C-alpha cells in the first residue's frame, strides 16, 4: 500500500523529472479532445434516425444558422433574402498548447546505481552484469535515485511537504492543414438566396 509522501524519499530521478512532463503532454491531449468535442457538438447535427453505433468519424450534417434580411435585387428593388451560414464558421475553434513550461524544484541525490541492458535473440530486453565493455547496447548506464527536499516540523511531530512549482505559458494552436481545409469548406457553404413571391427561393 502506498505511504503518501513517504514514497517520494527515494525514486529514480528520471521519474521525478518525467512525471510533470508527462502531465503536460496529457494536458495537451485532453485539450485536443475538448476541441474535437466542440467541433462535433457545435458544428454538426447527427441524423435523428442514426443508429446508436454510428461511427465517431461520421459527424452528420453541418449545423447551419439561417436568417432573413432585405437588400436590393438585380433590378435595384428592395427584396427579401435568406442567408445560411455554418454555425462553426462563426466561432474560433478552441485549441491551446503549451508554449513554455518552467519546472522548479530541489532534489537530493540519495543513491547511484548502474544498469546494463542486453538485446537477446528473441527481441526481449533484460538486465545483466558484464565484466567487459560489451557492445553499445550492453554498456552500463549510470542512474540516480533522489528525493524532493522536504520541510520538517519539530516538537515530536514530523510533517513533510514537497514543493513542485510549474509555470505554464499557453498559446493558440497553429491551424493544421486539415483544419485549414475545413475552414475553407465552411466558407464555401455560406450562401444567400432571394425569397421569391410565393415563398420560393432563388439563386
N, C-alpha and C. Protein backbone atom coordinates (compact mmCIF):
# COMPACT_ATOMS: atom_id res chain seq x y z
N UNK A 1 0.84 -1.20 0.00
CA UNK A 1 0.00 0.00 0.00
C UNK A 1 0.87 1.24 0.00
N UNK A 2 0.52 2.21 -0.78
CA UNK A 2 1.31 3.44 -0.86
C UNK A 2 1.29 4.16 0.48
N UNK A 3 2.40 4.83 0.80
CA UNK A 3 2.51 5.53 2.08
C UNK A 3 2.64 7.02 1.86
N UNK A 4 1.79 7.59 1.00
CA UNK A 4 1.76 9.03 0.79
C UNK A 4 3.07 9.57 0.31
N UNK A 5 3.48 10.68 0.93
CA UNK A 5 4.71 11.35 0.51
C UNK A 5 5.96 10.57 0.90
N UNK A 6 5.82 9.53 1.76
CA UNK A 6 6.99 8.73 2.10
C UNK A 6 7.59 8.07 0.87
N UNK A 7 6.75 7.77 -0.14
CA UNK A 7 7.23 7.12 -1.34
C UNK A 7 8.15 8.02 -2.16
N UNK A 8 8.18 9.30 -1.87
CA UNK A 8 9.00 10.24 -2.63
C UNK A 8 10.43 10.32 -2.09
N UNK A 9 10.74 9.54 -1.06
CA UNK A 9 12.03 9.70 -0.43
C UNK A 9 13.18 9.06 -1.20
N UNK A 10 12.88 8.16 -2.13
CA UNK A 10 13.95 7.57 -2.94
C UNK A 10 13.32 6.96 -4.19
N UNK A 11 13.28 7.72 -5.25
CA UNK A 11 12.73 7.26 -6.52
C UNK A 11 13.69 7.66 -7.63
N UNK A 12 13.68 6.93 -8.75
CA UNK A 12 14.58 7.28 -9.84
C UNK A 12 14.40 8.74 -10.27
N UNK A 13 15.53 9.40 -10.52
CA UNK A 13 15.48 10.81 -10.86
C UNK A 13 14.71 11.05 -12.15
N UNK A 14 14.75 10.07 -13.10
CA UNK A 14 14.01 10.27 -14.34
C UNK A 14 12.51 10.30 -14.10
N UNK A 15 12.06 9.63 -13.02
CA UNK A 15 10.64 9.69 -12.69
C UNK A 15 10.27 11.05 -12.12
N UNK A 16 11.17 11.61 -11.30
CA UNK A 16 10.92 12.94 -10.75
C UNK A 16 10.82 13.97 -11.87
N UNK A 17 11.72 13.85 -12.86
CA UNK A 17 11.72 14.79 -13.98
C UNK A 17 10.60 14.49 -14.97
N UNK A 18 10.34 13.19 -15.18
CA UNK A 18 9.40 12.81 -16.24
C UNK A 18 7.94 12.97 -15.88
N UNK A 19 7.59 12.82 -14.59
CA UNK A 19 6.18 12.88 -14.20
C UNK A 19 5.51 14.20 -14.56
N UNK A 20 6.08 15.37 -14.23
CA UNK A 20 5.43 16.62 -14.62
C UNK A 20 5.41 16.84 -16.13
N UNK A 21 6.46 16.36 -16.84
CA UNK A 21 6.46 16.49 -18.29
C UNK A 21 5.36 15.64 -18.90
N UNK A 22 5.20 14.41 -18.37
CA UNK A 22 4.12 13.54 -18.84
C UNK A 22 2.76 14.18 -18.58
N UNK A 23 2.62 14.85 -17.44
CA UNK A 23 1.36 15.51 -17.11
C UNK A 23 1.05 16.63 -18.12
N UNK A 24 2.08 17.34 -18.56
CA UNK A 24 1.88 18.40 -19.55
C UNK A 24 1.42 17.81 -20.89
N UNK A 25 2.02 16.68 -21.28
CA UNK A 25 1.62 16.03 -22.53
C UNK A 25 0.17 15.57 -22.44
N UNK A 26 -0.21 14.97 -21.30
CA UNK A 26 -1.59 14.53 -21.12
C UNK A 26 -2.55 15.71 -21.12
N UNK A 27 -2.12 16.85 -20.59
CA UNK A 27 -2.97 18.04 -20.61
C UNK A 27 -3.23 18.51 -22.04
N UNK A 28 -2.21 18.45 -22.90
CA UNK A 28 -2.40 18.83 -24.30
C UNK A 28 -3.33 17.85 -25.00
N UNK A 29 -3.21 16.56 -24.67
CA UNK A 29 -4.10 15.56 -25.27
C UNK A 29 -5.55 15.82 -24.85
N UNK A 30 -5.75 16.19 -23.59
CA UNK A 30 -7.10 16.49 -23.12
C UNK A 30 -7.64 17.74 -23.81
N UNK A 31 -6.79 18.74 -24.06
CA UNK A 31 -7.22 19.94 -24.76
C UNK A 31 -7.64 19.61 -26.19
N UNK A 32 -6.93 18.69 -26.83
CA UNK A 32 -7.28 18.28 -28.19
C UNK A 32 -8.63 17.57 -28.21
N UNK A 33 -8.89 16.72 -27.21
CA UNK A 33 -10.18 16.05 -27.14
C UNK A 33 -11.31 17.05 -26.91
N UNK A 34 -11.05 18.09 -26.13
CA UNK A 34 -12.05 19.13 -25.90
C UNK A 34 -12.38 19.86 -27.20
N UNK A 35 -11.34 20.16 -28.00
CA UNK A 35 -11.56 20.82 -29.29
C UNK A 35 -12.38 19.94 -30.22
N UNK A 36 -12.09 18.63 -30.23
CA UNK A 36 -12.84 17.70 -31.07
C UNK A 36 -14.30 17.64 -30.64
N UNK A 37 -14.54 17.62 -29.33
CA UNK A 37 -15.90 17.59 -28.83
C UNK A 37 -16.65 18.86 -29.22
N UNK A 38 -15.96 20.01 -29.18
CA UNK A 38 -16.58 21.28 -29.56
C UNK A 38 -16.99 21.24 -31.04
N UNK A 39 -16.12 20.73 -31.90
CA UNK A 39 -16.42 20.66 -33.32
C UNK A 39 -17.65 19.78 -33.57
N UNK A 40 -17.70 18.63 -32.89
CA UNK A 40 -18.81 17.70 -33.10
C UNK A 40 -20.13 18.25 -32.59
N UNK A 41 -20.12 18.83 -31.38
CA UNK A 41 -21.37 19.25 -30.76
C UNK A 41 -21.90 20.56 -31.32
N UNK A 42 -21.00 21.49 -31.64
CA UNK A 42 -21.42 22.80 -32.11
C UNK A 42 -21.59 22.82 -33.63
N UNK A 43 -20.70 22.14 -34.32
CA UNK A 43 -20.67 22.29 -35.77
C UNK A 43 -21.53 21.34 -36.56
N UNK A 44 -21.98 20.24 -35.97
CA UNK A 44 -22.68 19.23 -36.76
C UNK A 44 -23.92 18.71 -36.05
N UNK A 45 -24.85 18.22 -36.86
CA UNK A 45 -26.08 17.62 -36.35
C UNK A 45 -26.17 16.19 -36.88
N UNK A 46 -26.25 15.24 -35.98
CA UNK A 46 -26.38 13.86 -36.42
C UNK A 46 -27.84 13.57 -36.76
N UNK A 47 -28.07 12.75 -37.76
CA UNK A 47 -29.45 12.42 -38.14
C UNK A 47 -30.21 11.80 -36.97
N UNK A 48 -31.52 12.15 -36.90
CA UNK A 48 -32.34 11.62 -35.80
C UNK A 48 -32.47 10.11 -35.88
N UNK A 49 -32.44 9.57 -37.09
CA UNK A 49 -32.59 8.12 -37.27
C UNK A 49 -31.24 7.40 -37.35
N UNK A 50 -30.17 8.06 -36.92
CA UNK A 50 -28.85 7.44 -36.98
C UNK A 50 -28.77 6.29 -35.99
N UNK A 51 -28.15 5.18 -36.34
CA UNK A 51 -28.02 4.06 -35.41
C UNK A 51 -27.15 4.43 -34.22
N UNK A 52 -27.36 3.77 -33.06
CA UNK A 52 -26.57 4.10 -31.86
C UNK A 52 -25.08 3.89 -32.04
N UNK A 53 -24.70 2.95 -32.91
CA UNK A 53 -23.28 2.65 -33.10
C UNK A 53 -22.67 3.46 -34.24
N UNK A 54 -23.25 4.63 -34.51
CA UNK A 54 -22.73 5.50 -35.57
C UNK A 54 -21.27 5.83 -35.28
N UNK A 55 -20.44 5.66 -36.27
CA UNK A 55 -19.01 5.91 -36.09
C UNK A 55 -18.77 7.35 -35.69
N UNK A 56 -17.79 7.55 -34.80
CA UNK A 56 -17.44 8.90 -34.36
C UNK A 56 -16.91 9.74 -35.50
N UNK A 57 -16.42 9.08 -36.58
CA UNK A 57 -15.91 9.82 -37.72
C UNK A 57 -17.03 10.36 -38.60
N UNK A 58 -18.23 9.82 -38.48
CA UNK A 58 -19.38 10.28 -39.25
C UNK A 58 -20.17 11.24 -38.36
N UNK A 59 -19.86 12.53 -38.46
CA UNK A 59 -20.43 13.50 -37.53
C UNK A 59 -21.75 14.09 -38.01
N UNK A 60 -22.22 13.69 -39.18
CA UNK A 60 -23.52 14.15 -39.64
C UNK A 60 -23.44 15.36 -40.57
N UNK A 61 -24.50 16.19 -40.52
CA UNK A 61 -24.59 17.36 -41.39
C UNK A 61 -24.17 18.63 -40.66
N UNK A 62 -23.72 19.60 -41.44
CA UNK A 62 -23.35 20.88 -40.85
C UNK A 62 -24.55 21.52 -40.16
N UNK A 63 -24.31 22.09 -38.99
CA UNK A 63 -25.34 22.86 -38.29
C UNK A 63 -25.33 24.27 -38.87
N UNK A 64 -26.44 24.69 -39.45
CA UNK A 64 -26.50 25.97 -40.15
C UNK A 64 -27.28 27.01 -39.35
N UNK A 65 -26.87 28.25 -39.50
CA UNK A 65 -27.61 29.40 -38.97
C UNK A 65 -28.29 30.08 -40.15
N UNK A 66 -29.57 30.32 -40.03
CA UNK A 66 -30.35 30.91 -41.13
C UNK A 66 -31.05 32.18 -40.65
N UNK A 67 -30.94 33.25 -41.43
CA UNK A 67 -31.63 34.50 -41.06
C UNK A 67 -32.00 35.25 -42.34
N UNK A 68 -33.03 36.07 -42.21
CA UNK A 68 -33.50 36.86 -43.34
C UNK A 68 -33.08 38.31 -43.24
N UNK A 69 -32.93 38.95 -44.38
CA UNK A 69 -32.58 40.36 -44.42
C UNK A 69 -33.04 40.93 -45.76
N UNK A 70 -33.04 42.24 -45.83
CA UNK A 70 -33.52 42.93 -47.04
C UNK A 70 -32.37 43.67 -47.70
N UNK A 71 -32.28 43.50 -49.04
CA UNK A 71 -31.30 44.25 -49.81
C UNK A 71 -31.84 44.41 -51.23
N UNK A 72 -31.16 45.20 -52.04
CA UNK A 72 -31.60 45.43 -53.41
C UNK A 72 -31.31 44.21 -54.27
N UNK A 73 -32.29 43.86 -55.12
CA UNK A 73 -32.08 42.74 -56.02
C UNK A 73 -31.39 43.20 -57.30
N UNK A 74 -31.31 42.33 -58.30
CA UNK A 74 -30.62 42.66 -59.55
C UNK A 74 -31.27 43.82 -60.28
N UNK A 75 -32.55 44.06 -60.04
CA UNK A 75 -33.26 45.16 -60.70
C UNK A 75 -33.21 46.44 -59.88
N UNK A 76 -32.56 46.43 -58.76
CA UNK A 76 -32.46 47.63 -57.93
C UNK A 76 -33.64 47.81 -57.00
N UNK A 77 -34.47 46.80 -56.85
CA UNK A 77 -35.63 46.90 -55.98
C UNK A 77 -35.37 46.19 -54.66
N UNK A 78 -35.90 46.70 -53.54
CA UNK A 78 -35.74 46.01 -52.26
C UNK A 78 -36.36 44.62 -52.33
N UNK A 79 -35.64 43.63 -51.82
CA UNK A 79 -36.12 42.25 -51.84
C UNK A 79 -35.64 41.54 -50.59
N UNK A 80 -36.37 40.52 -50.26
CA UNK A 80 -36.04 39.73 -49.07
C UNK A 80 -35.09 38.59 -49.44
N UNK A 81 -34.03 38.45 -48.68
CA UNK A 81 -33.06 37.39 -48.89
C UNK A 81 -32.91 36.56 -47.62
N UNK A 82 -32.44 35.35 -47.80
CA UNK A 82 -32.16 34.45 -46.69
C UNK A 82 -30.71 34.02 -46.78
N UNK A 83 -29.99 34.18 -45.68
CA UNK A 83 -28.58 33.78 -45.61
C UNK A 83 -28.45 32.53 -44.75
N UNK A 84 -27.59 31.62 -45.17
CA UNK A 84 -27.31 30.39 -44.42
C UNK A 84 -25.80 30.30 -44.21
N UNK A 85 -25.43 30.22 -42.94
CA UNK A 85 -24.01 30.21 -42.57
C UNK A 85 -23.77 29.04 -41.61
N UNK A 86 -22.73 28.25 -41.82
CA UNK A 86 -22.40 27.20 -40.84
C UNK A 86 -22.09 27.80 -39.48
N UNK A 87 -22.73 27.25 -38.45
CA UNK A 87 -22.52 27.78 -37.10
C UNK A 87 -21.05 27.72 -36.71
N UNK A 88 -20.36 26.69 -37.15
CA UNK A 88 -18.95 26.52 -36.79
C UNK A 88 -18.08 27.63 -37.36
N UNK A 89 -18.55 28.26 -38.46
CA UNK A 89 -17.77 29.33 -39.08
C UNK A 89 -17.85 30.63 -38.27
N UNK A 90 -18.77 30.71 -37.32
CA UNK A 90 -18.94 31.92 -36.53
C UNK A 90 -18.06 31.94 -35.28
N UNK A 91 -17.40 30.85 -34.98
CA UNK A 91 -16.60 30.75 -33.76
C UNK A 91 -15.17 30.36 -34.08
N UNK A 92 -14.28 30.79 -33.21
CA UNK A 92 -12.91 30.28 -33.26
C UNK A 92 -12.90 28.91 -32.60
N UNK A 93 -12.38 27.92 -33.31
CA UNK A 93 -12.29 26.58 -32.74
C UNK A 93 -11.24 26.59 -31.64
N UNK A 94 -11.62 26.22 -30.42
CA UNK A 94 -10.65 26.30 -29.31
C UNK A 94 -9.52 25.31 -29.51
N UNK A 95 -8.32 25.81 -29.34
CA UNK A 95 -7.14 24.95 -29.45
C UNK A 95 -5.97 25.61 -28.74
N UNK A 96 -5.53 25.02 -27.65
CA UNK A 96 -4.43 25.57 -26.88
C UNK A 96 -3.31 24.55 -26.76
N UNK A 97 -2.10 25.04 -26.72
CA UNK A 97 -0.95 24.16 -26.49
C UNK A 97 0.04 24.87 -25.58
N UNK A 98 0.90 24.08 -24.97
CA UNK A 98 1.89 24.63 -24.05
C UNK A 98 3.01 25.27 -24.87
N UNK A 99 3.18 26.56 -24.72
CA UNK A 99 4.26 27.26 -25.40
C UNK A 99 5.56 27.17 -24.61
N UNK A 100 5.44 27.33 -23.29
CA UNK A 100 6.63 27.30 -22.44
C UNK A 100 6.21 26.78 -21.07
N UNK A 101 6.95 25.85 -20.53
CA UNK A 101 6.70 25.33 -19.19
C UNK A 101 8.01 25.37 -18.40
N UNK A 102 7.95 25.93 -17.22
CA UNK A 102 9.11 26.02 -16.35
C UNK A 102 8.86 25.19 -15.10
N UNK A 103 9.70 24.18 -14.87
CA UNK A 103 9.59 23.33 -13.69
C UNK A 103 10.65 23.75 -12.68
N UNK A 104 10.23 23.87 -11.44
CA UNK A 104 11.16 24.31 -10.40
C UNK A 104 10.99 23.45 -9.15
N UNK A 105 12.03 22.78 -8.76
CA UNK A 105 12.04 22.02 -7.50
C UNK A 105 13.48 21.73 -7.13
N UNK A 106 13.68 21.29 -5.90
CA UNK A 106 15.01 20.95 -5.42
C UNK A 106 15.05 19.47 -5.12
N UNK A 107 16.02 18.76 -5.68
CA UNK A 107 16.15 17.31 -5.49
C UNK A 107 17.47 16.99 -4.82
N UNK A 108 17.48 15.94 -4.00
CA UNK A 108 18.69 15.47 -3.32
C UNK A 108 19.00 14.06 -3.80
N UNK A 109 20.24 13.83 -4.27
CA UNK A 109 20.64 12.51 -4.74
C UNK A 109 20.83 11.60 -3.52
N UNK A 110 20.12 10.47 -3.51
CA UNK A 110 20.22 9.53 -2.38
C UNK A 110 20.91 8.23 -2.74
N UNK A 111 21.09 7.95 -4.04
CA UNK A 111 21.70 6.69 -4.43
C UNK A 111 22.20 6.81 -5.86
N UNK A 112 23.28 6.08 -6.17
CA UNK A 112 23.82 6.00 -7.52
C UNK A 112 23.92 4.53 -7.87
N UNK A 113 23.43 4.15 -9.04
CA UNK A 113 23.44 2.74 -9.43
C UNK A 113 23.69 2.64 -10.92
N UNK A 114 24.05 1.44 -11.38
CA UNK A 114 24.28 1.21 -12.80
C UNK A 114 23.37 0.10 -13.27
N UNK A 115 22.95 0.20 -14.50
CA UNK A 115 22.12 -0.81 -15.13
C UNK A 115 22.77 -1.21 -16.45
N UNK A 116 22.76 -2.49 -16.76
CA UNK A 116 23.26 -2.99 -18.03
C UNK A 116 22.14 -3.73 -18.72
N UNK A 117 21.80 -3.31 -19.92
CA UNK A 117 20.75 -3.97 -20.68
C UNK A 117 21.34 -4.66 -21.88
N UNK A 118 20.81 -5.80 -22.22
CA UNK A 118 21.30 -6.55 -23.38
C UNK A 118 20.14 -6.90 -24.27
N UNK A 119 20.40 -6.98 -25.55
CA UNK A 119 19.39 -7.34 -26.54
C UNK A 119 19.50 -8.83 -26.83
N UNK A 120 18.49 -9.61 -26.46
CA UNK A 120 18.51 -11.05 -26.68
C UNK A 120 18.00 -11.37 -28.06
N UNK A 121 18.14 -12.64 -28.44
CA UNK A 121 17.78 -13.04 -29.81
C UNK A 121 16.29 -12.96 -30.07
N UNK A 122 15.47 -13.07 -29.00
CA UNK A 122 14.03 -13.02 -29.22
C UNK A 122 13.48 -11.61 -29.11
N UNK A 123 14.36 -10.64 -29.00
CA UNK A 123 13.92 -9.25 -29.02
C UNK A 123 13.58 -8.69 -27.65
N UNK A 124 13.75 -9.50 -26.55
CA UNK A 124 13.44 -9.01 -25.23
C UNK A 124 14.65 -8.31 -24.65
N UNK A 125 14.39 -7.29 -23.84
CA UNK A 125 15.47 -6.56 -23.19
C UNK A 125 15.55 -7.02 -21.76
N UNK A 126 16.74 -7.45 -21.31
CA UNK A 126 16.89 -7.92 -19.95
C UNK A 126 18.04 -7.22 -19.26
N UNK A 127 18.12 -7.38 -17.92
CA UNK A 127 19.19 -6.80 -17.14
C UNK A 127 20.24 -7.86 -16.85
N UNK A 128 21.51 -7.51 -17.02
CA UNK A 128 22.57 -8.46 -16.70
C UNK A 128 23.81 -7.68 -16.34
N UNK A 129 24.76 -8.33 -15.72
CA UNK A 129 26.02 -7.71 -15.33
C UNK A 129 27.14 -8.31 -16.17
N UNK A 130 27.98 -7.46 -16.74
CA UNK A 130 29.08 -7.93 -17.57
C UNK A 130 30.39 -7.36 -17.05
N UNK A 131 31.49 -8.12 -17.24
CA UNK A 131 32.81 -7.66 -16.81
C UNK A 131 33.47 -6.80 -17.85
N UNK A 132 33.20 -7.06 -19.15
CA UNK A 132 33.83 -6.29 -20.21
C UNK A 132 32.96 -5.12 -20.62
N UNK A 133 33.47 -4.39 -21.58
CA UNK A 133 32.72 -3.24 -22.05
C UNK A 133 31.50 -3.67 -22.85
N UNK A 134 31.63 -4.75 -23.64
CA UNK A 134 30.49 -5.21 -24.42
C UNK A 134 30.22 -4.28 -25.58
N UNK A 135 29.07 -4.49 -26.20
CA UNK A 135 28.68 -3.65 -27.32
C UNK A 135 28.01 -2.39 -26.82
N UNK A 136 27.60 -1.58 -27.77
CA UNK A 136 26.95 -0.32 -27.43
C UNK A 136 25.68 -0.54 -26.63
N UNK A 137 24.94 -1.63 -26.95
CA UNK A 137 23.67 -1.89 -26.29
C UNK A 137 23.84 -2.48 -24.90
N UNK A 138 25.05 -2.95 -24.54
CA UNK A 138 25.24 -3.60 -23.24
C UNK A 138 26.13 -2.80 -22.31
N UNK A 139 26.44 -1.56 -22.65
CA UNK A 139 27.25 -0.75 -21.77
C UNK A 139 26.41 -0.29 -20.58
N UNK A 140 27.00 -0.32 -19.37
CA UNK A 140 26.25 0.09 -18.18
C UNK A 140 25.79 1.54 -18.28
N UNK A 141 24.57 1.78 -17.82
CA UNK A 141 24.01 3.12 -17.80
C UNK A 141 23.97 3.61 -16.36
N UNK A 142 24.52 4.80 -16.13
CA UNK A 142 24.54 5.37 -14.79
C UNK A 142 23.19 5.97 -14.47
N UNK A 143 22.66 5.67 -13.31
CA UNK A 143 21.37 6.20 -12.90
C UNK A 143 21.45 6.81 -11.51
N UNK A 144 20.50 7.66 -11.19
CA UNK A 144 20.45 8.31 -9.89
C UNK A 144 19.09 8.07 -9.26
N UNK A 145 19.09 7.91 -7.98
CA UNK A 145 17.85 7.94 -7.22
C UNK A 145 17.91 9.18 -6.33
N UNK A 146 16.77 9.82 -6.20
CA UNK A 146 16.77 11.04 -5.41
C UNK A 146 15.44 11.25 -4.74
N UNK A 147 15.35 12.34 -4.02
CA UNK A 147 14.10 12.69 -3.35
C UNK A 147 13.94 14.19 -3.41
N UNK A 148 12.68 14.62 -3.41
CA UNK A 148 12.42 16.04 -3.31
C UNK A 148 12.72 16.49 -1.89
N UNK A 149 13.35 17.62 -1.76
CA UNK A 149 13.70 18.12 -0.43
C UNK A 149 12.43 18.54 0.29
N UNK A 150 12.29 18.07 1.51
CA UNK A 150 11.07 18.33 2.28
C UNK A 150 11.36 19.25 3.45
N UNK A 151 10.29 19.79 3.99
CA UNK A 151 10.39 20.59 5.20
C UNK A 151 9.92 19.76 6.38
N UNK A 152 10.59 19.90 7.54
CA UNK A 152 10.30 19.05 8.69
C UNK A 152 9.92 19.90 9.89
N UNK A 153 8.90 19.47 10.61
CA UNK A 153 8.46 20.16 11.82
C UNK A 153 9.22 19.68 13.04
N UNK A 154 8.86 20.18 14.23
CA UNK A 154 9.53 19.83 15.47
C UNK A 154 8.50 19.42 16.52
N UNK A 155 8.96 19.37 17.80
CA UNK A 155 8.12 19.05 18.95
C UNK A 155 7.47 17.68 18.82
N UNK A 156 8.25 16.70 18.35
CA UNK A 156 7.77 15.34 18.29
C UNK A 156 6.83 15.05 17.15
N UNK A 157 6.46 16.04 16.36
CA UNK A 157 5.58 15.84 15.22
C UNK A 157 6.34 16.17 13.94
N UNK A 158 6.39 15.21 13.03
CA UNK A 158 7.12 15.40 11.78
C UNK A 158 6.13 15.54 10.64
N UNK A 159 6.24 16.60 9.91
CA UNK A 159 5.40 16.81 8.73
C UNK A 159 6.31 17.05 7.54
N UNK A 160 5.95 16.48 6.40
CA UNK A 160 6.76 16.62 5.20
C UNK A 160 5.92 17.24 4.10
N UNK A 161 6.49 18.19 3.42
CA UNK A 161 5.82 18.78 2.26
C UNK A 161 6.83 18.90 1.14
N UNK A 162 6.38 18.62 -0.09
CA UNK A 162 7.27 18.62 -1.24
C UNK A 162 6.74 19.63 -2.24
N UNK A 163 7.59 20.56 -2.62
CA UNK A 163 7.17 21.65 -3.49
C UNK A 163 7.62 21.40 -4.92
N UNK A 164 6.69 21.48 -5.84
CA UNK A 164 6.98 21.40 -7.26
C UNK A 164 6.26 22.56 -7.93
N UNK A 165 7.01 23.52 -8.38
CA UNK A 165 6.43 24.71 -9.00
C UNK A 165 6.46 24.57 -10.52
N UNK A 166 5.31 24.74 -11.13
CA UNK A 166 5.20 24.64 -12.59
C UNK A 166 4.58 25.92 -13.12
N UNK A 167 5.30 26.59 -13.98
CA UNK A 167 4.80 27.79 -14.64
C UNK A 167 4.56 27.45 -16.11
N UNK A 168 3.33 27.61 -16.55
CA UNK A 168 2.95 27.21 -17.91
C UNK A 168 2.47 28.42 -18.68
N UNK A 169 3.00 28.60 -19.87
CA UNK A 169 2.56 29.66 -20.78
C UNK A 169 1.90 29.00 -21.99
N UNK A 170 0.67 29.41 -22.27
CA UNK A 170 -0.11 28.80 -23.34
C UNK A 170 -0.15 29.70 -24.57
N UNK A 171 -0.43 29.10 -25.71
CA UNK A 171 -0.65 29.84 -26.94
C UNK A 171 -1.68 29.11 -27.78
N UNK A 172 -2.27 29.84 -28.72
CA UNK A 172 -3.25 29.23 -29.62
C UNK A 172 -2.54 28.22 -30.53
N UNK A 173 -3.15 27.06 -30.66
CA UNK A 173 -2.57 26.03 -31.52
C UNK A 173 -2.59 26.48 -32.97
N UNK A 174 -1.49 26.37 -33.68
CA UNK A 174 -1.49 26.73 -35.11
C UNK A 174 -2.50 25.88 -35.88
N UNK A 175 -3.05 26.47 -36.93
CA UNK A 175 -4.05 25.76 -37.73
C UNK A 175 -3.37 24.65 -38.52
N UNK A 176 -3.89 23.44 -38.36
CA UNK A 176 -3.35 22.30 -39.09
C UNK A 176 -3.87 22.34 -40.53
N UNK A 177 -3.21 21.62 -41.46
CA UNK A 177 -3.69 21.59 -42.85
C UNK A 177 -5.14 21.12 -42.95
N UNK A 178 -5.51 20.11 -42.16
CA UNK A 178 -6.88 19.63 -42.20
C UNK A 178 -7.88 20.66 -41.71
N UNK A 179 -7.50 21.39 -40.63
CA UNK A 179 -8.40 22.42 -40.11
C UNK A 179 -8.52 23.58 -41.09
N UNK A 180 -7.43 23.93 -41.76
CA UNK A 180 -7.50 24.98 -42.77
C UNK A 180 -8.43 24.59 -43.91
N UNK A 181 -8.38 23.31 -44.32
CA UNK A 181 -9.28 22.82 -45.36
C UNK A 181 -10.73 22.88 -44.90
N UNK A 182 -10.98 22.50 -43.64
CA UNK A 182 -12.34 22.56 -43.09
C UNK A 182 -12.86 23.99 -43.10
N UNK A 183 -12.04 24.94 -42.68
CA UNK A 183 -12.48 26.33 -42.67
C UNK A 183 -12.75 26.84 -44.08
N UNK A 184 -11.96 26.39 -45.05
CA UNK A 184 -12.21 26.78 -46.44
C UNK A 184 -13.55 26.23 -46.92
N UNK A 185 -13.86 24.98 -46.55
CA UNK A 185 -15.13 24.38 -46.94
C UNK A 185 -16.30 25.06 -46.25
N UNK A 186 -16.10 25.52 -45.02
CA UNK A 186 -17.15 26.25 -44.32
C UNK A 186 -17.46 27.56 -45.04
N UNK A 187 -16.42 28.21 -45.55
CA UNK A 187 -16.64 29.45 -46.31
C UNK A 187 -17.46 29.19 -47.57
N UNK A 188 -17.19 28.05 -48.21
CA UNK A 188 -17.93 27.71 -49.43
C UNK A 188 -19.39 27.38 -49.13
N UNK A 189 -19.66 26.96 -47.90
CA UNK A 189 -21.03 26.59 -47.53
C UNK A 189 -21.90 27.80 -47.22
N UNK A 190 -21.30 28.97 -47.08
CA UNK A 190 -22.08 30.19 -46.83
C UNK A 190 -22.82 30.58 -48.11
N UNK A 191 -24.09 30.84 -47.99
CA UNK A 191 -24.90 31.19 -49.16
C UNK A 191 -26.00 32.15 -48.78
N UNK A 192 -26.49 32.87 -49.76
CA UNK A 192 -27.70 33.67 -49.57
C UNK A 192 -28.55 33.56 -50.83
N UNK A 193 -29.85 33.60 -50.67
CA UNK A 193 -30.77 33.46 -51.79
C UNK A 193 -31.95 34.39 -51.59
N UNK A 194 -32.48 34.83 -52.69
CA UNK A 194 -33.62 35.73 -52.64
C UNK A 194 -34.90 34.93 -52.42
N UNK A 195 -35.76 35.47 -51.57
CA UNK A 195 -37.06 34.85 -51.32
C UNK A 195 -38.02 35.35 -52.39
N UNK A 196 -38.43 34.45 -53.28
CA UNK A 196 -39.32 34.82 -54.39
C UNK A 196 -40.77 34.90 -53.90
N UNK A 197 -41.60 35.66 -54.57
CA UNK A 197 -43.02 35.72 -54.22
C UNK A 197 -43.62 34.32 -54.20
N UNK A 198 -44.38 34.04 -53.18
CA UNK A 198 -44.97 32.73 -53.03
C UNK A 198 -44.16 31.81 -52.13
N UNK A 199 -43.05 32.32 -51.56
CA UNK A 199 -42.28 31.55 -50.60
C UNK A 199 -41.14 30.79 -51.21
N UNK A 200 -40.91 30.83 -52.49
CA UNK A 200 -39.81 30.10 -53.10
C UNK A 200 -38.53 30.85 -52.97
N UNK A 201 -37.42 30.15 -53.16
CA UNK A 201 -36.11 30.78 -53.10
C UNK A 201 -35.44 30.77 -54.43
N UNK A 202 -34.61 31.74 -54.67
CA UNK A 202 -33.88 31.84 -55.92
C UNK A 202 -32.40 31.87 -55.68
N UNK A 203 -31.61 31.71 -56.74
CA UNK A 203 -30.17 31.71 -56.58
C UNK A 203 -29.64 33.13 -56.53
